[in-house]
Structure formats: C-alpha cells, structure tokens
Amino acid sequence: MTFVLFLLLRLIEIYSWALIIYILLSWVPNLRESKFGVMLGKICEPYLEQFRKIIPPLGMIDISPIVAIFVLRFAQTGLVSLFRMLGLV
C-alpha cells in the first residue's frame, strides 16, 4: 500500500509543477499559444476553472492558482494522514 501512497503523492506533485509552469507561461507573450502551452492548458484549466468561479481576480492579479496549489498540498497531507490512520503506512 505504501507504493499506492507514493504514486498518489508523486502525481499530485507533478500536477502542482504543471500548474506552476502553466502560470509562468502567462508571463511570456504568446507562450500559452504554443503546442506545449495548449497541452498544459487542457490539463490545468479544468482544475483552475473551479477556483476562478469562487475567487474573483484582484485587479489584474488572479490568485486562484495559488489557492489551487494550496488545495493540492492539503490533499497530499490528507492522504498521508488517511493512510496512517488506516494503518497502511
């Protein structure tokens, strides 16, 4: 079972990095329109949309990606706690 936990934690970590890279792509003009940017958009936008519905932008700054990454980090902590509580780790 520790392999399952390890795999889930790594997937969350990889997705977090994908979100960070996608956010950084917005700082460079036209980079989100590249093939890589479009691919990341298809992966990241559905998740980010859920937070954008709840959290409005503050002027020109969109803080919803920061909240989205925090939620992923809390999910990692919750998974570890759940596996420990179930005695699987």
PDB file of N, CA and C in Angstrom:
ATOM      1  N   MET A   1       0.807  -1.203   0.000  1.00  0.00           N
ATOM      2  CA  MET A   1       0.000   0.000   0.000  1.00  0.00           C
ATOM      3  C   MET A   1       0.848   1.263   0.000  1.00  0.00           C
ATOM      4  N   THR A   2       2.055   1.168   0.503  1.00  0.00           N
ATOM      5  CA  THR A   2       2.893   2.364   0.500  1.00  0.00           C
ATOM      6  C   THR A   2       3.225   2.788  -0.926  1.00  0.00           C
ATOM      7  N   PHE A   3       3.251   1.815  -1.862  1.00  0.00           N
ATOM      8  CA  PHE A   3       3.503   2.165  -3.258  1.00  0.00           C
ATOM      9  C   PHE A   3       2.356   3.019  -3.801  1.00  0.00           C
ATOM     10  N   VAL A   4       1.122   2.683  -3.434  1.00  0.00           N
ATOM     11  CA  VAL A   4      -0.038   3.447  -3.876  1.00  0.00           C
ATOM     12  C   VAL A   4       0.048   4.873  -3.337  1.00  0.00           C
ATOM     13  N   LEU A   5       0.389   5.008  -2.062  1.00  0.00           N
ATOM     14  CA  LEU A   5       0.542   6.338  -1.471  1.00  0.00           C
ATOM     15  C   LEU A   5       1.654   7.105  -2.169  1.00  0.00           C
ATOM     16  N   PHE A   6       2.781   6.454  -2.378  1.00  0.00           N
ATOM     17  CA  PHE A   6       3.909   7.089  -3.058  1.00  0.00           C
ATOM     18  C   PHE A   6       3.491   7.560  -4.447  1.00  0.00           C
ATOM     19  N   LEU A   7       2.776   6.732  -5.186  1.00  0.00           N
ATOM     20  CA  LEU A   7       2.341   7.078  -6.528  1.00  0.00           C
ATOM     21  C   LEU A   7       1.377   8.268  -6.506  1.00  0.00           C
ATOM     22  N   LEU A   8       0.416   8.246  -5.603  1.00  0.00           N
ATOM     23  CA  LEU A   8      -0.537   9.356  -5.494  1.00  0.00           C
ATOM     24  C   LEU A   8       0.164  10.664  -5.129  1.00  0.00           C
ATOM     25  N   LEU A   9       1.082  10.599  -4.200  1.00  0.00           N
ATOM     26  CA  LEU A   9       1.816  11.806  -3.796  1.00  0.00           C
ATOM     27  C   LEU A   9       2.644  12.363  -4.944  1.00  0.00           C
ATOM     28  N   ARG A  10       3.279  11.490  -5.714  1.00  0.00           N
ATOM     29  CA  ARG A  10       4.091  11.943  -6.851  1.00  0.00           C
ATOM     30  C   ARG A  10       3.211  12.559  -7.937  1.00  0.00           C
ATOM     31  N   LEU A  11       2.045  11.954  -8.179  1.00  0.00           N
ATOM     32  CA  LEU A  11       1.136  12.502  -9.187  1.00  0.00           C
ATOM     33  C   LEU A  11       0.655  13.891  -8.794  1.00  0.00           C
ATOM     34  N   ILE A  12       0.347  14.079  -7.529  1.00  0.00           N
ATOM     35  CA  ILE A  12      -0.067  15.399  -7.055  1.00  0.00           C
ATOM     36  C   ILE A  12       1.086  16.387  -7.195  1.00  0.00           C
ATOM     37  N   GLU A  13       2.294  15.945  -6.887  1.00  0.00           N
ATOM     38  CA  GLU A  13       3.464  16.827  -7.007  1.00  0.00           C
ATOM     39  C   GLU A  13       3.710  17.219  -8.466  1.00  0.00           C
ATOM     40  N   ILE A  14       3.603  16.267  -9.367  1.00  0.00           N
ATOM     41  CA  ILE A  14       3.796  16.548 -10.792  1.00  0.00           C
ATOM     42  C   ILE A  14       2.726  17.517 -11.289  1.00  0.00           C
ATOM     43  N   TYR A  15       1.485  17.312 -10.853  1.00  0.00           N
ATOM     44  CA  TYR A  15       0.402  18.211 -11.269  1.00  0.00           C
ATOM     45  C   TYR A  15       0.613  19.614 -10.705  1.00  0.00           C
ATOM     46  N   SER A  16       1.123  19.702  -9.487  1.00  0.00           N
ATOM     47  CA  SER A  16       1.431  21.008  -8.905  1.00  0.00           C
ATOM     48  C   SER A  16       2.472  21.739  -9.740  1.00  0.00           C
ATOM     49  N   TRP A  17       3.497  21.023 -10.169  1.00  0.00           N
ATOM     50  CA  TRP A  17       4.529  21.634 -11.005  1.00  0.00           C
ATOM     51  C   TRP A  17       3.967  22.030 -12.361  1.00  0.00           C
ATOM     52  N   ALA A  18       3.054  21.224 -12.900  1.00  0.00           N
ATOM     53  CA  ALA A  18       2.413  21.582 -14.171  1.00  0.00           C
ATOM     54  C   ALA A  18       1.639  22.889 -14.020  1.00  0.00           C
ATOM     55  N   LEU A  19       0.947  23.051 -12.895  1.00  0.00           N
ATOM     56  CA  LEU A  19       0.223  24.298 -12.637  1.00  0.00           C
ATOM     57  C   LEU A  19       1.174  25.483 -12.547  1.00  0.00           C
ATOM     58  N   ILE A  20       2.278  25.307 -11.847  1.00  0.00           N
ATOM     59  CA  ILE A  20       3.257  26.394 -11.705  1.00  0.00           C
ATOM     60  C   ILE A  20       3.820  26.786 -13.065  1.00  0.00           C
ATOM     61  N   ILE A  21       4.167  25.810 -13.875  1.00  0.00           N
ATOM     62  CA  ILE A  21       4.701  26.100 -15.209  1.00  0.00           C
ATOM     63  C   ILE A  21       3.651  26.806 -16.059  1.00  0.00           C
ATOM     64  N   TYR A  22       2.407  26.340 -15.962  1.00  0.00           N
ATOM     65  CA  TYR A  22       1.322  26.960 -16.730  1.00  0.00           C
ATOM     66  C   TYR A  22       1.124  28.417 -16.310  1.00  0.00           C
ATOM     67  N   ILE A  23       1.227  28.680 -15.028  1.00  0.00           N
ATOM     68  CA  ILE A  23       1.095  30.056 -14.534  1.00  0.00           C
ATOM     69  C   ILE A  23       2.244  30.916 -15.059  1.00  0.00           C
ATOM     70  N   LEU A  24       3.444  30.383 -15.034  1.00  0.00           N
ATOM     71  CA  LEU A  24       4.603  31.144 -15.517  1.00  0.00           C
ATOM     72  C   LEU A  24       4.521  31.408 -17.016  1.00  0.00           C
ATOM     73  N   LEU A  25       3.865  30.518 -17.756  1.00  0.00           N
ATOM     74  CA  LEU A  25       3.719  30.736 -19.200  1.00  0.00           C
ATOM     75  C   LEU A  25       2.925  32.004 -19.504  1.00  0.00           C
ATOM     76  N   SER A  26       2.066  32.404 -18.579  1.00  0.00           N
ATOM     77  CA  SER A  26       1.257  33.603 -18.815  1.00  0.00           C
ATOM     78  C   SER A  26       2.099  34.876 -18.747  1.00  0.00           C
ATOM     79  N   TRP A  27       3.287  34.789 -18.205  1.00  0.00           N
ATOM     80  CA  TRP A  27       4.152  35.960 -18.106  1.00  0.00           C
ATOM     81  C   TRP A  27       4.873  36.268 -19.413  1.00  0.00           C
ATOM     82  N   VAL A  28       4.944  35.277 -20.306  1.00  0.00           N
ATOM     83  CA  VAL A  28       5.656  35.462 -21.571  1.00  0.00           C
ATOM     84  C   VAL A  28       4.612  35.539 -22.689  1.00  0.00           C
ATOM     85  N   PRO A  29       4.627  36.611 -23.466  1.00  0.00           N
ATOM     86  CA  PRO A  29       3.612  36.762 -24.522  1.00  0.00           C
ATOM     87  C   PRO A  29       3.613  35.581 -25.505  1.00  0.00           C
ATOM     88  N   ASN A  30       2.426  35.125 -25.823  1.00  0.00           N
ATOM     89  CA  ASN A  30       2.175  34.083 -26.824  1.00  0.00           C
ATOM     90  C   ASN A  30       2.725  32.699 -26.471  1.00  0.00           C
ATOM     91  N   LEU A  31       3.254  32.512 -25.292  1.00  0.00           N
ATOM     92  CA  LEU A  31       3.794  31.200 -24.951  1.00  0.00           C
ATOM     93  C   LEU A  31       2.686  30.194 -24.648  1.00  0.00           C
ATOM     94  N   ARG A  32       1.542  30.677 -24.157  1.00  0.00           N
ATOM     95  CA  ARG A  32       0.420  29.776 -23.907  1.00  0.00           C
ATOM     96  C   ARG A  32      -0.203  29.278 -25.208  1.00  0.00           C
ATOM     97  N   GLU A  33       0.054  29.956 -26.305  1.00  0.00           N
ATOM     98  CA  GLU A  33      -0.484  29.535 -27.593  1.00  0.00           C
ATOM     99  C   GLU A  33       0.406  28.517 -28.289  1.00  0.00           C
ATOM    100  N   SER A  34       1.580  28.223 -27.726  1.00  0.00           N
ATOM    101  CA  SER A  34       2.442  27.197 -28.296  1.00  0.00           C
ATOM    102  C   SER A  34       1.816  25.827 -28.045  1.00  0.00           C
ATOM    103  N   LYS A  35       2.334  24.800 -28.704  1.00  0.00           N
ATOM    104  CA  LYS A  35       1.791  23.446 -28.529  1.00  0.00           C
ATOM    105  C   LYS A  35       1.892  23.005 -27.066  1.00  0.00           C
ATOM    106  N   PHE A  36       3.015  23.317 -26.453  1.00  0.00           N
ATOM    107  CA  PHE A  36       3.218  22.953 -25.052  1.00  0.00           C
ATOM    108  C   PHE A  36       2.225  23.694 -24.148  1.00  0.00           C
ATOM    109  N   GLY A  37       2.029  24.984 -24.419  1.00  0.00           N
ATOM    110  CA  GLY A  37       1.102  25.787 -23.629  1.00  0.00           C
ATOM    111  C   GLY A  37      -0.334  25.317 -23.782  1.00  0.00           C
ATOM    112  N   VAL A  38      -0.719  24.955 -24.987  1.00  0.00           N
ATOM    113  CA  VAL A  38      -2.073  24.452 -25.226  1.00  0.00           C
ATOM    114  C   VAL A  38      -2.276  23.119 -24.505  1.00  0.00           C
ATOM    115  N   MET A  39      -1.266  22.242 -24.569  1.00  0.00           N
ATOM    116  CA  MET A  39      -1.357  20.951 -23.883  1.00  0.00           C
ATOM    117  C   MET A  39      -1.499  21.152 -22.374  1.00  0.00           C
ATOM    118  N   LEU A  40      -0.687  22.033 -21.795  1.00  0.00           N
ATOM    119  CA  LEU A  40      -0.796  22.317 -20.370  1.00  0.00           C
ATOM    120  C   LEU A  40      -2.139  22.945 -20.030  1.00  0.00           C
ATOM    121  N   GLY A  41      -2.645  23.784 -20.914  1.00  0.00           N
ATOM    122  CA  GLY A  41      -3.946  24.406 -20.703  1.00  0.00           C
ATOM    123  C   GLY A  41      -5.056  23.375 -20.620  1.00  0.00           C
ATOM    124  N   LYS A  42      -4.997  22.359 -21.463  1.00  0.00           N
ATOM    125  CA  LYS A  42      -6.010  21.300 -21.436  1.00  0.00           C
ATOM    126  C   LYS A  42      -5.946  20.498 -20.143  1.00  0.00           C
ATOM    127  N   ILE A  43      -4.766  20.413 -19.573  1.00  0.00           N
ATOM    128  CA  ILE A  43      -4.595  19.661 -18.323  1.00  0.00           C
ATOM    129  C   ILE A  43      -4.940  20.524 -17.109  1.00  0.00           C
ATOM    130  N   CYS A  44      -4.535  21.783 -17.129  1.00  0.00           N
ATOM    131  CA  CYS A  44      -4.645  22.640 -15.943  1.00  0.00           C
ATOM    132  C   CYS A  44      -5.929  23.457 -15.863  1.00  0.00           C
ATOM    133  N   GLU A  45      -6.445  23.909 -16.978  1.00  0.00           N
ATOM    134  CA  GLU A  45      -7.602  24.810 -16.952  1.00  0.00           C
ATOM    135  C   GLU A  45      -8.846  24.226 -16.299  1.00  0.00           C
ATOM    136  N   PRO A  46      -9.196  22.953 -16.540  1.00  0.00           N
ATOM    137  CA  PRO A  46     -10.402  22.438 -15.868  1.00  0.00           C
ATOM    138  C   PRO A  46     -10.320  22.521 -14.340  1.00  0.00           C
ATOM    139  N   TYR A  47      -9.151  22.265 -13.795  1.00  0.00           N
ATOM    140  CA  TYR A  47      -8.958  22.357 -12.342  1.00  0.00           C
ATOM    141  C   TYR A  47      -8.992  23.813 -11.877  1.00  0.00           C
ATOM    142  N   LEU A  48      -8.312  24.697 -12.611  1.00  0.00           N
ATOM    143  CA  LEU A  48      -8.254  26.103 -12.224  1.00  0.00           C
ATOM    144  C   LEU A  48      -9.610  26.800 -12.359  1.00  0.00           C
ATOM    145  N   GLU A  49     -10.425  26.365 -13.319  1.00  0.00           N
ATOM    146  CA  GLU A  49     -11.742  26.979 -13.512  1.00  0.00           C
ATOM    147  C   GLU A  49     -12.605  26.884 -12.262  1.00  0.00           C
ATOM    148  N   GLN A  50     -12.484  25.774 -11.539  1.00  0.00           N
ATOM    149  CA  GLN A  50     -13.279  25.585 -10.330  1.00  0.00           C
ATOM    150  C   GLN A  50     -12.966  26.658  -9.297  1.00  0.00           C
ATOM    151  N   PHE A  51     -11.727  27.067  -9.221  1.00  0.00           N
ATOM    152  CA  PHE A  51     -11.316  28.090  -8.261  1.00  0.00           C
ATOM    153  C   PHE A  51     -11.633  29.492  -8.771  1.00  0.00           C
ATOM    154  N   ARG A  52     -11.574  29.686 -10.083  1.00  0.00           N
ATOM    155  CA  ARG A  52     -11.881  31.004 -10.646  1.00  0.00           C
ATOM    156  C   ARG A  52     -13.356  31.347 -10.489  1.00  0.00           C
ATOM    157  N   LYS A  53     -14.211  30.329 -10.404  1.00  0.00           N
ATOM    158  CA  LYS A  53     -15.640  30.574 -10.176  1.00  0.00           C
ATOM    159  C   LYS A  53     -15.881  31.145  -8.784  1.00  0.00           C
ATOM    160  N   ILE A  54     -15.043  30.763  -7.831  1.00  0.00           N
ATOM    161  CA  ILE A  54     -15.219  31.152  -6.434  1.00  0.00           C
ATOM    162  C   ILE A  54     -14.422  32.406  -6.085  1.00  0.00           C
ATOM    163  N   ILE A  55     -13.202  32.496  -6.594  1.00  0.00           N
ATOM    164  CA  ILE A  55     -12.277  33.568  -6.212  1.00  0.00           C
ATOM    165  C   ILE A  55     -12.135  34.557  -7.366  1.00  0.00           C
ATOM    166  N   PRO A  56     -12.669  35.751  -7.211  1.00  0.00           N
ATOM    167  CA  PRO A  56     -12.522  36.740  -8.289  1.00  0.00           C
ATOM    168  C   PRO A  56     -11.097  37.297  -8.319  1.00  0.00           C
ATOM    169  N   PRO A  57     -10.644  37.749  -9.484  1.00  0.00           N
ATOM    170  CA  PRO A  57      -9.307  38.358  -9.556  1.00  0.00           C
ATOM    171  C   PRO A  57      -9.254  39.674  -8.789  1.00  0.00           C
ATOM    172  N   LEU A  58      -8.100  39.950  -8.237  1.00  0.00           N
ATOM    173  CA  LEU A  58      -7.876  41.213  -7.532  1.00  0.00           C
ATOM    174  C   LEU A  58      -7.206  42.174  -8.504  1.00  0.00           C
ATOM    175  N   GLY A  59      -8.010  42.939  -9.199  1.00  0.00           N
ATOM    176  CA  GLY A  59      -7.469  43.820 -10.228  1.00  0.00           C
ATOM    177  C   GLY A  59      -6.952  42.984 -11.381  1.00  0.00           C
ATOM    178  N   MET A  60      -5.666  43.096 -11.651  1.00  0.00           N
ATOM    179  CA  MET A  60      -5.050  42.320 -12.733  1.00  0.00           C
ATOM    180  C   MET A  60      -4.426  41.017 -12.231  1.00  0.00           C
ATOM    181  N   ILE A  61      -4.556  40.737 -10.951  1.00  0.00           N
ATOM    182  CA  ILE A  61      -3.901  39.568 -10.357  1.00  0.00           C
ATOM    183  C   ILE A  61      -4.933  38.487 -10.058  1.00  0.00           C
ATOM    184  N   ASP A  62      -4.677  37.300 -10.586  1.00  0.00           N
ATOM    185  CA  ASP A  62      -5.538  36.141 -10.355  1.00  0.00           C
ATOM    186  C   ASP A  62      -4.867  35.266  -9.299  1.00  0.00           C
ATOM    187  N   ILE A  63      -5.443  35.223  -8.100  1.00  0.00           N
ATOM    188  CA  ILE A  63      -4.839  34.434  -7.023  1.00  0.00           C
ATOM    189  C   ILE A  63      -5.404  33.020  -6.945  1.00  0.00           C
ATOM    190  N   SER A  64      -6.352  32.689  -7.820  1.00  0.00           N
ATOM    191  CA  SER A  64      -6.941  31.355  -7.767  1.00  0.00           C
ATOM    192  C   SER A  64      -5.919  30.230  -7.988  1.00  0.00           C
ATOM    193  N   PRO A  65      -4.890  30.395  -8.838  1.00  0.00           N
ATOM    194  CA  PRO A  65      -3.899  29.322  -8.957  1.00  0.00           C
ATOM    195  C   PRO A  65      -3.134  29.057  -7.657  1.00  0.00           C
ATOM    196  N   ILE A  66      -2.904  30.104  -6.877  1.00  0.00           N
ATOM    197  CA  ILE A  66      -2.211  29.919  -5.598  1.00  0.00           C
ATOM    198  C   ILE A  66      -3.073  29.077  -4.665  1.00  0.00           C
ATOM    199  N   VAL A  67      -4.355  29.393  -4.612  1.00  0.00           N
ATOM    200  CA  VAL A  67      -5.282  28.627  -3.772  1.00  0.00           C
ATOM    201  C   VAL A  67      -5.364  27.188  -4.283  1.00  0.00           C
ATOM    202  N   ALA A  68      -5.386  27.010  -5.600  1.00  0.00           N
ATOM    203  CA  ALA A  68      -5.459  25.668  -6.179  1.00  0.00           C
ATOM    204  C   ALA A  68      -4.246  24.823  -5.783  1.00  0.00           C
ATOM    205  N   ILE A  69      -3.081  25.433  -5.769  1.00  0.00           N
ATOM    206  CA  ILE A  69      -1.864  24.703  -5.382  1.00  0.00           C
ATOM    207  C   ILE A  69      -1.904  24.379  -3.894  1.00  0.00           C
ATOM    208  N   PHE A  70      -2.383  25.308  -3.065  1.00  0.00           N
ATOM    209  CA  PHE A  70      -2.531  25.022  -1.635  1.00  0.00           C
ATOM    210  C   PHE A  70      -3.482  23.852  -1.395  1.00  0.00           C
ATOM    211  N   VAL A  71      -4.557  23.793  -2.162  1.00  0.00           N
ATOM    212  CA  VAL A  71      -5.504  22.683  -2.015  1.00  0.00           C
ATOM    213  C   VAL A  71      -4.827  21.356  -2.355  1.00  0.00           C
ATOM    214  N   LEU A  72      -3.990  21.348  -3.390  1.00  0.00           N
ATOM    215  CA  LEU A  72      -3.254  20.125  -3.723  1.00  0.00           C
ATOM    216  C   LEU A  72      -2.301  19.736  -2.598  1.00  0.00           C
ATOM    217  N   ARG A  73      -1.648  20.706  -2.001  1.00  0.00           N
ATOM    218  CA  ARG A  73      -0.736  20.416  -0.878  1.00  0.00           C
ATOM    219  C   ARG A  73      -1.504  19.867   0.322  1.00  0.00           C
ATOM    220  N   PHE A  74      -2.685  20.438   0.589  1.00  0.00           N
ATOM    221  CA  PHE A  74      -3.519  19.918   1.680  1.00  0.00           C
ATOM    222  C   PHE A  74      -3.985  18.499   1.367  1.00  0.00           C
ATOM    223  N   ALA A  75      -4.248  18.220   0.095  1.00  0.00           N
ATOM    224  CA  ALA A  75      -4.647  16.867  -0.300  1.00  0.00           C
ATOM    225  C   ALA A  75      -3.506  15.880  -0.044  1.00  0.00           C
ATOM    226  N   GLN A  76      -2.283  16.292  -0.321  1.00  0.00           N
ATOM    227  CA  GLN A  76      -1.135  15.425  -0.033  1.00  0.00           C
ATOM    228  C   GLN A  76      -1.061  15.111   1.456  1.00  0.00           C
ATOM    229  N   THR A  77      -1.189  16.129   2.277  1.00  0.00           N
ATOM    230  CA  THR A  77      -1.134  15.939   3.728  1.00  0.00           C
ATOM    231  C   THR A  77      -2.287  15.059   4.192  1.00  0.00           C
ATOM    232  N   GLY A  78      -3.461  15.280   3.630  1.00  0.00           N
ATOM    233  CA  GLY A  78      -4.624  14.479   3.990  1.00  0.00           C
ATOM    234  C   GLY A  78      -4.463  13.023   3.605  1.00  0.00           C
ATOM    235  N   LEU A  79      -3.871  12.761   2.449  1.00  0.00           N
ATOM    236  CA  LEU A  79      -3.634  11.375   2.038  1.00  0.00           C
ATOM    237  C   LEU A  79      -2.685  10.666   2.989  1.00  0.00           C
ATOM    238  N   VAL A  80      -1.623  11.342   3.363  1.00  0.00           N
ATOM    239  CA  VAL A  80      -0.664  10.740   4.296  1.00  0.00           C
ATOM    240  C   VAL A  80      -1.351  10.461   5.631  1.00  0.00           C
ATOM    241  N   SER A  81      -2.137  11.402   6.118  1.00  0.00           N
ATOM    242  CA  SER A  81      -2.848  11.209   7.384  1.00  0.00           C
ATOM    243  C   SER A  81      -3.845  10.065   7.282  1.00  0.00           C
ATOM    244  N   LEU A  82      -4.545   9.979   6.171  1.00  0.00           N
ATOM    245  CA  LEU A  82      -5.518   8.906   5.981  1.00  0.00           C
ATOM    246  C   LEU A  82      -4.847   7.542   5.968  1.00  0.00           C
ATOM    247  N   PHE A  83      -3.757   7.430   5.239  1.00  0.00           N
ATOM    248  CA  PHE A  83      -3.042   6.150   5.186  1.00  0.00           C
ATOM    249  C   PHE A  83      -2.483   5.771   6.548  1.00  0.00           C
ATOM    250  N   ARG A  84      -2.010   6.764   7.303  1.00  0.00           N
ATOM    251  CA  ARG A  84      -1.509   6.487   8.656  1.00  0.00           C
ATOM    252  C   ARG A  84      -2.642   6.064   9.581  1.00  0.00           C
ATOM    253  N   MET A  85      -3.780   6.734   9.468  1.00  0.00           N
ATOM    254  CA  MET A  85      -4.930   6.420  10.319  1.00  0.00           C
ATOM    255  C   MET A  85      -5.445   5.011  10.029  1.00  0.00           C
ATOM    256  N   LEU A  86      -5.382   4.605   8.777  1.00  0.00           N
ATOM    257  CA  LEU A  86      -5.820   3.262   8.410  1.00  0.00           C
ATOM    258  C   LEU A  86      -4.768   2.198   8.706  1.00  0.00           C
ATOM    259  N   GLY A  87      -3.589   2.649   9.119  1.00  0.00           N
ATOM    260  CA  GLY A  87      -2.518   1.724   9.455  1.00  0.00           C
ATOM    261  C   GLY A  87      -1.837   1.118   8.249  1.00  0.00           C
ATOM    262  N   LEU A  88      -1.901   1.814   7.130  1.00  0.00           N
ATOM    263  CA  LEU A  88      -1.322   1.293   5.898  1.00  0.00           C
ATOM    264  C   LEU A  88       0.110   1.775   5.675  1.00  0.00           C
ATOM    265  N   VAL A  89       0.571   2.670   6.512  1.00  0.00           N
ATOM    266  CA  VAL A  89       1.938   3.171   6.383  1.00  0.00           C
ATOM    267  C   VAL A  89       2.664   2.909   7.663  1.00  0.00           C
TER     268      VAL A  89
END
